[in-house]
Amino acid sequence: MKAHPGWNVVVAYAKDSHAFYGQGAEGKDWSHQNTATHTVLGKYNYDVYGVHAGIFILEGDGGFENVTYFPHAKLNQILTSQNSGHT
C-alpha cells in the first residue's frame, strides 16, 4: 500500500459474481486488473480493483478465497457488501 497512498484495494475471486461501481473516471480515480496465482491446489484467477471511492458487491460462498479488502487508513471510502447465501 506504500506504493499507492490514498488508494483502497479490493481483490475478488474471478469465478464469484461481483460488481464494482467506482466513483469518478477509470484510470484516474479507480482501476481494474486481472491476475492469477498458482498454488499446490491449482490456479486461481482474481480481479483487482484500486479505488479512491466506490461500491463493491460480492455474491460468493463466504470462503477465504473470495475477497480481500485493504482499506486506506485515512480514506476508507468504499462500501462493501457480501451475500454468501447462508441463512
PDB file of N, CA and C in Angstrom:
ATOM      1  N   MET A   1       0.818  -1.187   0.000  1.00  0.00           N
ATOM      2  CA  MET A   1       0.000   0.000   0.000  1.00  0.00           C
ATOM      3  C   MET A   1       0.869   1.262   0.000  1.00  0.00           C
ATOM      4  N   LYS A   2       2.130   1.111   0.368  1.00  0.00           N
ATOM      5  CA  LYS A   2       3.013   2.269   0.375  1.00  0.00           C
ATOM      6  C   LYS A   2       3.237   2.809  -1.034  1.00  0.00           C
ATOM      7  N   ALA A   3       3.143   1.929  -2.030  1.00  0.00           N
ATOM      8  CA  ALA A   3       3.375   2.347  -3.415  1.00  0.00           C
ATOM      9  C   ALA A   3       2.235   3.201  -3.956  1.00  0.00           C
ATOM     10  N   HIS A   4       1.033   3.076  -3.372  1.00  0.00           N
ATOM     11  CA  HIS A   4      -0.143   3.807  -3.861  1.00  0.00           C
ATOM     12  C   HIS A   4      -0.902   4.422  -2.692  1.00  0.00           C
ATOM     13  N   PRO A   5      -0.326   5.412  -2.035  1.00  0.00           N
ATOM     14  CA  PRO A   5      -1.007   6.019  -0.891  1.00  0.00           C
ATOM     15  C   PRO A   5      -2.327   6.671  -1.313  1.00  0.00           C
ATOM     16  N   GLY A   6      -3.323   6.565  -0.444  1.00  0.00           N
ATOM     17  CA  GLY A   6      -4.619   7.165  -0.735  1.00  0.00           C
ATOM     18  C   GLY A   6      -5.554   6.268  -1.509  1.00  0.00           C
ATOM     19  N   TRP A   7      -5.157   5.021  -1.762  1.00  0.00           N
ATOM     20  CA  TRP A   7      -5.997   4.096  -2.525  1.00  0.00           C
ATOM     21  C   TRP A   7      -6.490   2.965  -1.630  1.00  0.00           C
ATOM     22  N   ASN A   8      -7.713   2.504  -1.884  1.00  0.00           N
ATOM     23  CA  ASN A   8      -8.251   1.279  -1.310  1.00  0.00           C
ATOM     24  C   ASN A   8      -8.053   0.184  -2.354  1.00  0.00           C
ATOM     25  N   VAL A   9      -7.874  -1.065  -1.911  1.00  0.00           N
ATOM     26  CA  VAL A   9      -7.689  -2.180  -2.837  1.00  0.00           C
ATOM     27  C   VAL A   9      -8.659  -3.298  -2.464  1.00  0.00           C
ATOM     28  N   VAL A  10      -9.375  -3.814  -3.481  1.00  0.00           N
ATOM     29  CA  VAL A  10     -10.255  -4.964  -3.311  1.00  0.00           C
ATOM     30  C   VAL A  10      -9.777  -6.047  -4.268  1.00  0.00           C
ATOM     31  N   VAL A  11      -9.593  -7.271  -3.749  1.00  0.00           N
ATOM     32  CA  VAL A  11      -9.200  -8.412  -4.566  1.00  0.00           C
ATOM     33  C   VAL A  11     -10.326  -9.436  -4.470  1.00  0.00           C
ATOM     34  N   ALA A  12     -10.909  -9.814  -5.618  1.00  0.00           N
ATOM     35  CA  ALA A  12     -12.057 -10.724  -5.627  1.00  0.00           C
ATOM     36  C   ALA A  12     -11.780 -11.933  -6.515  1.00  0.00           C
ATOM     37  N   TYR A  13     -12.209 -13.106  -6.063  1.00  0.00           N
ATOM     38  CA  TYR A  13     -12.099 -14.338  -6.833  1.00  0.00           C
ATOM     39  C   TYR A  13     -12.937 -14.177  -8.098  1.00  0.00           C
ATOM     40  N   ALA A  14     -12.326 -14.360  -9.262  1.00  0.00           N
ATOM     41  CA  ALA A  14     -12.971 -14.056 -10.534  1.00  0.00           C
ATOM     42  C   ALA A  14     -14.201 -14.921 -10.815  1.00  0.00           C
ATOM     43  N   LYS A  15     -14.259 -16.144 -10.287  1.00  0.00           N
ATOM     44  CA  LYS A  15     -15.397 -17.024 -10.567  1.00  0.00           C
ATOM     45  C   LYS A  15     -16.656 -16.626  -9.801  1.00  0.00           C
ATOM     46  N   ASP A  16     -16.500 -15.871  -8.711  1.00  0.00           N
ATOM     47  CA  ASP A  16     -17.670 -15.430  -7.953  1.00  0.00           C
ATOM     48  C   ASP A  16     -18.267 -14.193  -8.601  1.00  0.00           C
ATOM     49  N   SER A  17     -19.566 -14.115  -8.605  1.00  0.00           N
ATOM     50  CA  SER A  17     -20.255 -12.968  -9.171  1.00  0.00           C
ATOM     51  C   SER A  17     -19.994 -11.744  -8.301  1.00  0.00           C
ATOM     52  N   HIS A  18     -19.498 -10.686  -8.912  1.00  0.00           N
ATOM     53  CA  HIS A  18     -19.274  -9.456  -8.175  1.00  0.00           C
ATOM     54  C   HIS A  18     -19.435  -8.262  -9.112  1.00  0.00           C
ATOM     55  N   ALA A  19     -19.698  -7.124  -8.501  1.00  0.00           N
ATOM     56  CA  ALA A  19     -19.872  -5.894  -9.266  1.00  0.00           C
ATOM     57  C   ALA A  19     -19.160  -4.767  -8.537  1.00  0.00           C
ATOM     58  N   PHE A  20     -18.581  -3.856  -9.302  1.00  0.00           N
ATOM     59  CA  PHE A  20     -17.946  -2.683  -8.721  1.00  0.00           C
ATOM     60  C   PHE A  20     -18.462  -1.450  -9.430  1.00  0.00           C
ATOM     61  N   TYR A  21     -18.835  -0.459  -8.646  1.00  0.00           N
ATOM     62  CA  TYR A  21     -19.305   0.827  -9.170  1.00  0.00           C
ATOM     63  C   TYR A  21     -18.390   1.907  -8.607  1.00  0.00           C
ATOM     64  N   GLY A  22     -17.404   2.312  -9.401  1.00  0.00           N
ATOM     65  CA  GLY A  22     -16.418   3.283  -8.944  1.00  0.00           C
ATOM     66  C   GLY A  22     -16.883   4.705  -9.141  1.00  0.00           C
ATOM     67  N   GLN A  23     -16.481   5.566  -8.234  1.00  0.00           N
ATOM     68  CA  GLN A  23     -16.747   6.989  -8.388  1.00  0.00           C
ATOM     69  C   GLN A  23     -15.634   7.596  -9.221  1.00  0.00           C
ATOM     70  N   GLY A  24     -16.005   8.425 -10.171  1.00  0.00           N
ATOM     71  CA  GLY A  24     -15.013   9.101 -10.994  1.00  0.00           C
ATOM     72  C   GLY A  24     -14.693   8.334 -12.257  1.00  0.00           C
ATOM     73  N   ALA A  25     -13.553   8.679 -12.841  1.00  0.00           N
ATOM     74  CA  ALA A  25     -13.149   8.139 -14.136  1.00  0.00           C
ATOM     75  C   ALA A  25     -12.176   6.977 -13.967  1.00  0.00           C
ATOM     76  N   GLU A  26     -12.387   5.918 -14.774  1.00  0.00           N
ATOM     77  CA  GLU A  26     -11.453   4.790 -14.761  1.00  0.00           C
ATOM     78  C   GLU A  26     -10.088   5.271 -15.244  1.00  0.00           C
ATOM     79  N   GLY A  27      -9.044   4.822 -14.590  1.00  0.00           N
ATOM     80  CA  GLY A  27      -7.697   5.231 -14.931  1.00  0.00           C
ATOM     81  C   GLY A  27      -7.214   6.428 -14.132  1.00  0.00           C
ATOM     82  N   LYS A  28      -8.155   7.216 -13.622  1.00  0.00           N
ATOM     83  CA  LYS A  28      -7.798   8.363 -12.793  1.00  0.00           C
ATOM     84  C   LYS A  28      -8.203   8.137 -11.337  1.00  0.00           C
ATOM     85  N   ASP A  29      -9.458   7.756 -11.125  1.00  0.00           N
ATOM     86  CA  ASP A  29      -9.999   7.594  -9.778  1.00  0.00           C
ATOM     87  C   ASP A  29     -10.133   6.137  -9.351  1.00  0.00           C
ATOM     88  N   TRP A  30     -10.099   5.232 -10.308  1.00  0.00           N
ATOM     89  CA  TRP A  30     -10.145   3.803  -9.997  1.00  0.00           C
ATOM     90  C   TRP A  30      -9.562   3.015 -11.164  1.00  0.00           C
ATOM     91  N   SER A  31      -9.133   1.778 -10.872  1.00  0.00           N
ATOM     92  CA  SER A  31      -8.588   0.923 -11.928  1.00  0.00           C
ATOM     93  C   SER A  31      -8.956  -0.521 -11.647  1.00  0.00           C
ATOM     94  N   HIS A  32      -8.858  -1.341 -12.683  1.00  0.00           N
ATOM     95  CA  HIS A  32      -9.197  -2.763 -12.586  1.00  0.00           C
ATOM     96  C   HIS A  32      -8.178  -3.562 -13.384  1.00  0.00           C
ATOM     97  N   GLN A  33      -7.699  -4.672 -12.785  1.00  0.00           N
ATOM     98  CA  GLN A  33      -6.794  -5.590 -13.477  1.00  0.00           C
ATOM     99  C   GLN A  33      -7.167  -7.016 -13.113  1.00  0.00           C
ATOM    100  N   ASN A  34      -6.846  -7.932 -14.016  1.00  0.00           N
ATOM    101  CA  ASN A  34      -6.998  -9.358 -13.742  1.00  0.00           C
ATOM    102  C   ASN A  34      -5.620  -9.922 -13.442  1.00  0.00           C
ATOM    103  N   THR A  35      -5.568 -10.876 -12.511  1.00  0.00           N
ATOM    104  CA  THR A  35      -4.306 -11.527 -12.180  1.00  0.00           C
ATOM    105  C   THR A  35      -4.592 -12.964 -11.781  1.00  0.00           C
ATOM    106  N   ALA A  36      -3.567 -13.769 -11.723  1.00  0.00           N
ATOM    107  CA  ALA A  36      -3.716 -15.177 -11.343  1.00  0.00           C
ATOM    108  C   ALA A  36      -2.583 -15.561 -10.404  1.00  0.00           C
ATOM    109  N   THR A  37      -2.859 -16.560  -9.591  1.00  0.00           N
ATOM    110  CA  THR A  37      -1.833 -17.122  -8.723  1.00  0.00           C
ATOM    111  C   THR A  37      -1.884 -18.639  -8.851  1.00  0.00           C
ATOM    112  N   HIS A  38      -0.748 -19.258  -8.768  1.00  0.00           N
ATOM    113  CA  HIS A  38      -0.654 -20.714  -8.850  1.00  0.00           C
ATOM    114  C   HIS A  38      -0.265 -21.257  -7.483  1.00  0.00           C
ATOM    115  N   THR A  39      -1.013 -22.233  -7.005  1.00  0.00           N
ATOM    116  CA  THR A  39      -0.716 -22.873  -5.728  1.00  0.00           C
ATOM    117  C   THR A  39      -0.693 -24.378  -5.925  1.00  0.00           C
ATOM    118  N   VAL A  40      -0.407 -25.117  -4.876  1.00  0.00           N
ATOM    119  CA  VAL A  40      -0.442 -26.577  -4.964  1.00  0.00           C
ATOM    120  C   VAL A  40      -1.877 -27.064  -5.200  1.00  0.00           C
ATOM    121  N   LEU A  41      -2.858 -26.227  -4.915  1.00  0.00           N
ATOM    122  CA  LEU A  41      -4.262 -26.578  -5.140  1.00  0.00           C
ATOM    123  C   LEU A  41      -4.743 -26.238  -6.547  1.00  0.00           C
ATOM    124  N   GLY A  42      -3.934 -25.515  -7.306  1.00  0.00           N
ATOM    125  CA  GLY A  42      -4.312 -25.152  -8.670  1.00  0.00           C
ATOM    126  C   GLY A  42      -4.142 -23.668  -8.934  1.00  0.00           C
ATOM    127  N   LYS A  43      -4.677 -23.237 -10.064  1.00  0.00           N
ATOM    128  CA  LYS A  43      -4.589 -21.841 -10.480  1.00  0.00           C
ATOM    129  C   LYS A  43      -5.858 -21.107 -10.057  1.00  0.00           C
ATOM    130  N   TYR A  44      -5.686 -19.909  -9.490  1.00  0.00           N
ATOM    131  CA  TYR A  44      -6.816 -19.073  -9.077  1.00  0.00           C
ATOM    132  C   TYR A  44      -6.722 -17.731  -9.788  1.00  0.00           C
ATOM    133  N   ASN A  45      -7.817 -17.304 -10.395  1.00  0.00           N
ATOM    134  CA  ASN A  45      -7.879 -16.021 -11.086  1.00  0.00           C
ATOM    135  C   ASN A  45      -8.609 -15.010 -10.207  1.00  0.00           C
ATOM    136  N   TYR A  46      -8.076 -13.792 -10.173  1.00  0.00           N
ATOM    137  CA  TYR A  46      -8.635 -12.738  -9.335  1.00  0.00           C
ATOM    138  C   TYR A  46      -8.801 -11.450 -10.122  1.00  0.00           C
ATOM    139  N   ASP A  47      -9.787 -10.656  -9.727  1.00  0.00           N
ATOM    140  CA  ASP A  47      -9.952  -9.289 -10.201  1.00  0.00           C
ATOM    141  C   ASP A  47      -9.441  -8.377  -9.101  1.00  0.00           C
ATOM    142  N   VAL A  48      -8.608  -7.410  -9.468  1.00  0.00           N
ATOM    143  CA  VAL A  48      -8.036  -6.476  -8.502  1.00  0.00           C
ATOM    144  C   VAL A  48      -8.525  -5.075  -8.856  1.00  0.00           C
ATOM    145  N   TYR A  49      -9.118  -4.404  -7.855  1.00  0.00           N
ATOM    146  CA  TYR A  49      -9.632  -3.049  -8.035  1.00  0.00           C
ATOM    147  C   TYR A  49      -8.865  -2.110  -7.116  1.00  0.00           C
ATOM    148  N   GLY A  50      -8.303  -1.054  -7.670  1.00  0.00           N
ATOM    149  CA  GLY A  50      -7.703   0.026  -6.907  1.00  0.00           C
ATOM    150  C   GLY A  50      -8.634   1.213  -7.016  1.00  0.00           C
ATOM    151  N   VAL A  51      -9.085   1.747  -5.877  1.00  0.00           N
ATOM    152  CA  VAL A  51     -10.134   2.777  -5.913  1.00  0.00           C
ATOM    153  C   VAL A  51      -9.902   3.843  -4.850  1.00  0.00           C
ATOM    154  N   HIS A  52     -10.403   5.028  -5.146  1.00  0.00           N
ATOM    155  CA  HIS A  52     -10.488   6.073  -4.124  1.00  0.00           C
ATOM    156  C   HIS A  52     -11.808   5.934  -3.387  1.00  0.00           C
ATOM    157  N   ALA A  53     -12.893   5.672  -4.119  1.00  0.00           N
ATOM    158  CA  ALA A  53     -14.223   5.533  -3.507  1.00  0.00           C
ATOM    159  C   ALA A  53     -15.113   4.749  -4.463  1.00  0.00           C
ATOM    160  N   GLY A  54     -16.080   4.012  -3.910  1.00  0.00           N
ATOM    161  CA  GLY A  54     -16.995   3.263  -4.749  1.00  0.00           C
ATOM    162  C   GLY A  54     -17.775   2.243  -3.954  1.00  0.00           C
ATOM    163  N   ILE A  55     -18.537   1.424  -4.672  1.00  0.00           N
ATOM    164  CA  ILE A  55     -19.365   0.376  -4.077  1.00  0.00           C
ATOM    165  C   ILE A  55     -18.934  -0.957  -4.672  1.00  0.00           C
ATOM    166  N   PHE A  56     -18.709  -1.962  -3.812  1.00  0.00           N
ATOM    167  CA  PHE A  56     -18.324  -3.293  -4.256  1.00  0.00           C
ATOM    168  C   PHE A  56     -19.328  -4.296  -3.708  1.00  0.00           C
ATOM    169  N   ILE A  57     -19.893  -5.132  -4.587  1.00  0.00           N
ATOM    170  CA  ILE A  57     -20.887  -6.131  -4.194  1.00  0.00           C
ATOM    171  C   ILE A  57     -20.371  -7.504  -4.609  1.00  0.00           C
ATOM    172  N   LEU A  58     -20.382  -8.467  -3.676  1.00  0.00           N
ATOM    173  CA  LEU A  58     -19.900  -9.817  -3.930  1.00  0.00           C
ATOM    174  C   LEU A  58     -21.001 -10.823  -3.646  1.00  0.00           C
ATOM    175  N   GLU A  59     -21.230 -11.727  -4.586  1.00  0.00           N
ATOM    176  CA  GLU A  59     -22.114 -12.878  -4.394  1.00  0.00           C
ATOM    177  C   GLU A  59     -21.212 -14.097  -4.352  1.00  0.00           C
ATOM    178  N   GLY A  60     -20.840 -14.542  -3.166  1.00  0.00           N
ATOM    179  CA  GLY A  60     -19.936 -15.667  -3.018  1.00  0.00           C
ATOM    180  C   GLY A  60     -20.373 -16.557  -1.877  1.00  0.00           C
ATOM    181  N   ASP A  61     -19.578 -17.607  -1.624  1.00  0.00           N
ATOM    182  CA  ASP A  61     -19.946 -18.550  -0.573  1.00  0.00           C
ATOM    183  C   ASP A  61     -19.327 -18.204   0.770  1.00  0.00           C
ATOM    184  N   GLY A  62     -18.663 -17.071   0.874  1.00  0.00           N
ATOM    185  CA  GLY A  62     -18.097 -16.645   2.144  1.00  0.00           C
ATOM    186  C   GLY A  62     -16.772 -17.290   2.483  1.00  0.00           C
ATOM    187  N   GLY A  63     -16.169 -18.003   1.537  1.00  0.00           N
ATOM    188  CA  GLY A  63     -14.903 -18.687   1.793  1.00  0.00           C
ATOM    189  C   GLY A  63     -13.702 -17.763   1.751  1.00  0.00           C
ATOM    190  N   PHE A  64     -12.550 -18.288   2.147  1.00  0.00           N
ATOM    191  CA  PHE A  64     -11.331 -17.481   2.257  1.00  0.00           C
ATOM    192  C   PHE A  64     -10.814 -17.002   0.919  1.00  0.00           C
ATOM    193  N   GLU A  65     -11.160 -17.677  -0.172  1.00  0.00           N
ATOM    194  CA  GLU A  65     -10.593 -17.303  -1.479  1.00  0.00           C
ATOM    195  C   GLU A  65     -11.407 -16.246  -2.202  1.00  0.00           C
ATOM    196  N   ASN A  66     -12.516 -15.776  -1.628  1.00  0.00           N
ATOM    197  CA  ASN A  66     -13.442 -14.920  -2.346  1.00  0.00           C
ATOM    198  C   ASN A  66     -13.038 -13.461  -2.464  1.00  0.00           C
ATOM    199  N   VAL A  67     -12.713 -12.821  -1.353  1.00  0.00           N
ATOM    200  CA  VAL A  67     -12.456 -11.382  -1.403  1.00  0.00           C
ATOM    201  C   VAL A  67     -11.499 -10.975  -0.287  1.00  0.00           C
ATOM    202  N   THR A  68     -10.674  -9.986  -0.593  1.00  0.00           N
ATOM    203  CA  THR A  68      -9.810  -9.354   0.382  1.00  0.00           C
ATOM    204  C   THR A  68      -9.925  -7.861   0.174  1.00  0.00           C
ATOM    205  N   TYR A  69      -9.976  -7.129   1.264  1.00  0.00           N
ATOM    206  CA  TYR A  69     -10.149  -5.680   1.192  1.00  0.00           C
ATOM    207  C   TYR A  69      -9.049  -5.017   1.996  1.00  0.00           C
ATOM    208  N   PHE A  70      -8.284  -4.142   1.352  1.00  0.00           N
ATOM    209  CA  PHE A  70      -7.219  -3.398   2.001  1.00  0.00           C
ATOM    210  C   PHE A  70      -7.614  -1.931   2.026  1.00  0.00           C
ATOM    211  N   PRO A  71      -8.237  -1.469   3.110  1.00  0.00           N
ATOM    212  CA  PRO A  71      -8.648  -0.065   3.142  1.00  0.00           C
ATOM    213  C   PRO A  71      -7.481   0.854   3.453  1.00  0.00           C
ATOM    214  N   HIS A  72      -7.512   2.017   2.864  1.00  0.00           N
ATOM    215  CA  HIS A  72      -6.552   3.045   3.224  1.00  0.00           C
ATOM    216  C   HIS A  72      -7.000   3.597   4.571  1.00  0.00           C
ATOM    217  N   ALA A  73      -6.089   3.681   5.516  1.00  0.00           N
ATOM    218  CA  ALA A  73      -6.432   4.023   6.904  1.00  0.00           C
ATOM    219  C   ALA A  73      -7.176   5.348   7.043  1.00  0.00           C
ATOM    220  N   LYS A  74      -6.824   6.338   6.266  1.00  0.00           N
ATOM    221  CA  LYS A  74      -7.457   7.647   6.397  1.00  0.00           C
ATOM    222  C   LYS A  74      -8.511   7.898   5.320  1.00  0.00           C
ATOM    223  N   LEU A  75      -8.656   6.995   4.373  1.00  0.00           N
ATOM    224  CA  LEU A  75      -9.506   7.256   3.220  1.00  0.00           C
ATOM    225  C   LEU A  75     -10.470   6.097   2.996  1.00  0.00           C
ATOM    226  N   ASN A  76     -11.053   5.558   4.021  1.00  0.00           N
ATOM    227  CA  ASN A  76     -11.927   4.400   3.924  1.00  0.00           C
ATOM    228  C   ASN A  76     -13.263   4.816   3.305  1.00  0.00           C
ATOM    229  N   GLN A  77     -13.287   4.981   1.991  1.00  0.00           N
ATOM    230  CA  GLN A  77     -14.466   5.461   1.293  1.00  0.00           C
ATOM    231  C   GLN A  77     -14.973   4.453   0.281  1.00  0.00           C
ATOM    232  N   ILE A  78     -15.024   3.200   0.686  1.00  0.00           N
ATOM    233  CA  ILE A  78     -15.580   2.178  -0.186  1.00  0.00           C
ATOM    234  C   ILE A  78     -16.599   1.387   0.610  1.00  0.00           C
ATOM    235  N   LEU A  79     -17.746   1.184   0.018  1.00  0.00           N
ATOM    236  CA  LEU A  79     -18.817   0.416   0.649  1.00  0.00           C
ATOM    237  C   LEU A  79     -18.745  -1.002   0.115  1.00  0.00           C
ATOM    238  N   THR A  80     -18.635  -1.978   1.016  1.00  0.00           N
ATOM    239  CA  THR A  80     -18.568  -3.380   0.600  1.00  0.00           C
ATOM    240  C   THR A  80     -19.781  -4.119   1.113  1.00  0.00           C
ATOM    241  N   SER A  81     -20.246  -5.083   0.338  1.00  0.00           N
ATOM    242  CA  SER A  81     -21.390  -5.904   0.713  1.00  0.00           C
ATOM    243  C   SER A  81     -21.145  -7.300   0.204  1.00  0.00           C
ATOM    244  N   GLN A  82     -21.433  -8.311   1.044  1.00  0.00           N
ATOM    245  CA  GLN A  82     -21.277  -9.699   0.618  1.00  0.00           C
ATOM    246  C   GLN A  82     -22.544 -10.460   0.970  1.00  0.00           C
ATOM    247  N   ASN A  83     -23.058 -11.185  -0.007  1.00  0.00           N
ATOM    248  CA  ASN A  83     -24.194 -12.082   0.204  1.00  0.00           C
ATOM    249  C   ASN A  83     -23.703 -13.484  -0.026  1.00  0.00           C
ATOM    250  N   SER A  84     -23.527 -14.239   1.057  1.00  0.00           N
ATOM    251  CA  SER A  84     -22.977 -15.580   0.944  1.00  0.00           C
ATOM    252  C   SER A  84     -24.058 -16.627   0.710  1.00  0.00           C
ATOM    253  N   GLY A  85     -25.322 -16.233   0.768  1.00  0.00           N
ATOM    254  CA  GLY A  85     -26.402 -17.185   0.563  1.00  0.00           C
ATOM    255  C   GLY A  85     -26.678 -18.036   1.779  1.00  0.00           C
ATOM    256  N   HIS A  86     -25.970 -17.787   2.888  1.00  0.00           N
ATOM    257  CA  HIS A  86     -26.191 -18.535   4.121  1.00  0.00           C
ATOM    258  C   HIS A  86     -27.292 -17.859   4.924  1.00  0.00           C
ATOM    259  N   THR A  87     -28.124 -18.647   5.579  1.00  0.00           N
ATOM    260  CA  THR A  87     -29.175 -18.068   6.419  1.00  0.00           C
ATOM    261  C   THR A  87     -28.936 -18.360   7.870  1.00  0.00           C
TER     262      THR A  87
END
